[in-house]
Amino acid sequence: MSGWEIFTWISVIILGFGSIIVFILFLKDVPELLKKSEKEPS
């Protein structure tokens, strides 16, 4: 494996885990966001 391949795989793994973590945090916040949007109609 060349340096570029290793760098590509590391970046793919980091971006993949990062997006999954952000998605989980977003799912946790969805109920609060829905409550806020119901209280304050924009």
N, C-alpha and C. Protein backbone atom coordinates (compact mmCIF):
# COMPACT_ATOMS: atom_id res chain seq x y z
N MET A 1 0.85 -1.21 0.00
CA MET A 1 0.00 0.00 0.00
C MET A 1 0.87 1.25 0.00
N SER A 2 0.50 2.20 -0.80
CA SER A 2 1.25 3.45 -0.85
C SER A 2 0.75 4.41 0.23
N GLY A 3 1.48 5.49 0.43
CA GLY A 3 1.10 6.47 1.44
C GLY A 3 -0.27 7.08 1.15
N TRP A 4 -0.54 7.31 -0.14
CA TRP A 4 -1.83 7.91 -0.49
C TRP A 4 -2.99 6.99 -0.14
N GLU A 5 -2.81 5.69 -0.37
CA GLU A 5 -3.89 4.74 -0.03
C GLU A 5 -4.16 4.74 1.47
N ILE A 6 -3.09 4.72 2.27
CA ILE A 6 -3.26 4.74 3.73
C ILE A 6 -3.96 6.03 4.15
N PHE A 7 -3.51 7.17 3.61
CA PHE A 7 -4.12 8.46 3.94
C PHE A 7 -5.60 8.47 3.56
N THR A 8 -5.91 7.93 2.37
CA THR A 8 -7.31 7.90 1.92
C THR A 8 -8.17 7.07 2.86
N TRP A 9 -7.69 5.87 3.25
CA TRP A 9 -8.47 5.02 4.13
C TRP A 9 -8.66 5.65 5.50
N ILE A 10 -7.60 6.30 6.04
CA ILE A 10 -7.72 6.95 7.34
C ILE A 10 -8.76 8.06 7.28
N SER A 11 -8.71 8.88 6.22
CA SER A 11 -9.67 9.98 6.09
C SER A 11 -11.09 9.44 5.92
N VAL A 12 -11.25 8.35 5.17
CA VAL A 12 -12.58 7.74 4.99
C VAL A 12 -13.12 7.26 6.33
N ILE A 13 -12.27 6.60 7.12
CA ILE A 13 -12.71 6.10 8.43
C ILE A 13 -13.09 7.26 9.35
N ILE A 14 -12.25 8.30 9.38
CA ILE A 14 -12.54 9.45 10.25
C ILE A 14 -13.85 10.11 9.83
N LEU A 15 -14.02 10.36 8.54
CA LEU A 15 -15.25 11.00 8.06
C LEU A 15 -16.46 10.12 8.30
N GLY A 16 -16.30 8.81 8.13
CA GLY A 16 -17.40 7.88 8.35
C GLY A 16 -17.85 7.89 9.81
N PHE A 17 -16.88 7.73 10.73
CA PHE A 17 -17.23 7.75 12.15
C PHE A 17 -17.78 9.11 12.56
N GLY A 18 -17.20 10.18 12.03
CA GLY A 18 -17.66 11.53 12.37
C GLY A 18 -19.11 11.74 11.96
N SER A 19 -19.46 11.30 10.75
CA SER A 19 -20.83 11.49 10.29
C SER A 19 -21.80 10.64 11.11
N ILE A 20 -21.38 9.43 11.50
CA ILE A 20 -22.25 8.57 12.32
C ILE A 20 -22.48 9.22 13.68
N ILE A 21 -21.41 9.76 14.30
CA ILE A 21 -21.55 10.41 15.62
C ILE A 21 -22.47 11.61 15.51
N VAL A 22 -22.28 12.44 14.49
CA VAL A 22 -23.14 13.62 14.30
C VAL A 22 -24.59 13.19 14.11
N PHE A 23 -24.82 12.11 13.34
CA PHE A 23 -26.17 11.62 13.10
C PHE A 23 -26.83 11.15 14.39
N ILE A 24 -26.06 10.43 15.24
CA ILE A 24 -26.60 9.96 16.52
C ILE A 24 -26.95 11.15 17.41
N LEU A 25 -26.05 12.14 17.49
CA LEU A 25 -26.33 13.32 18.30
C LEU A 25 -27.57 14.05 17.77
N PHE A 26 -27.72 14.11 16.44
CA PHE A 26 -28.89 14.75 15.84
C PHE A 26 -30.16 14.01 16.22
N LEU A 27 -30.13 12.67 16.17
CA LEU A 27 -31.32 11.89 16.55
C LEU A 27 -31.69 12.13 18.01
N LYS A 28 -30.68 12.30 18.89
CA LYS A 28 -30.96 12.56 20.30
C LYS A 28 -31.64 13.92 20.46
N ASP A 29 -31.28 14.90 19.62
CA ASP A 29 -31.80 16.26 19.76
C ASP A 29 -33.13 16.46 19.05
N VAL A 30 -33.54 15.54 18.19
CA VAL A 30 -34.77 15.71 17.40
C VAL A 30 -35.99 15.97 18.29
N PRO A 31 -36.24 15.19 19.36
CA PRO A 31 -37.43 15.46 20.19
C PRO A 31 -37.43 16.88 20.77
N GLU A 32 -36.27 17.37 21.23
CA GLU A 32 -36.21 18.73 21.77
C GLU A 32 -36.49 19.76 20.68
N LEU A 33 -35.95 19.53 19.49
CA LEU A 33 -36.18 20.46 18.38
C LEU A 33 -37.66 20.49 18.01
N LEU A 34 -38.32 19.33 18.04
CA LEU A 34 -39.74 19.28 17.72
C LEU A 34 -40.55 20.03 18.78
N LYS A 35 -40.20 19.86 20.06
CA LYS A 35 -40.91 20.58 21.13
C LYS A 35 -40.75 22.08 20.96
N LYS A 36 -39.53 22.53 20.66
CA LYS A 36 -39.29 23.96 20.49
C LYS A 36 -40.09 24.50 19.30
N SER A 37 -40.13 23.75 18.21
CA SER A 37 -40.84 24.23 17.02
C SER A 37 -42.35 24.26 17.27
N GLU A 38 -42.86 23.39 18.14
CA GLU A 38 -44.29 23.41 18.46
C GLU A 38 -44.62 24.63 19.33
N LYS A 39 -43.73 24.92 20.30
CA LYS A 39 -43.97 26.07 21.19
C LYS A 39 -43.86 27.39 20.46
N GLU A 40 -42.82 27.50 19.60
CA GLU A 40 -42.58 28.76 18.89
C GLU A 40 -42.79 28.56 17.40
N PRO A 41 -44.01 28.81 16.91
CA PRO A 41 -44.24 28.68 15.46
C PRO A 41 -43.46 29.73 14.70
N SER A 42 -42.58 29.30 13.80
CA SER A 42 -41.74 30.24 13.07
C SER A 42 -42.49 30.75 11.83
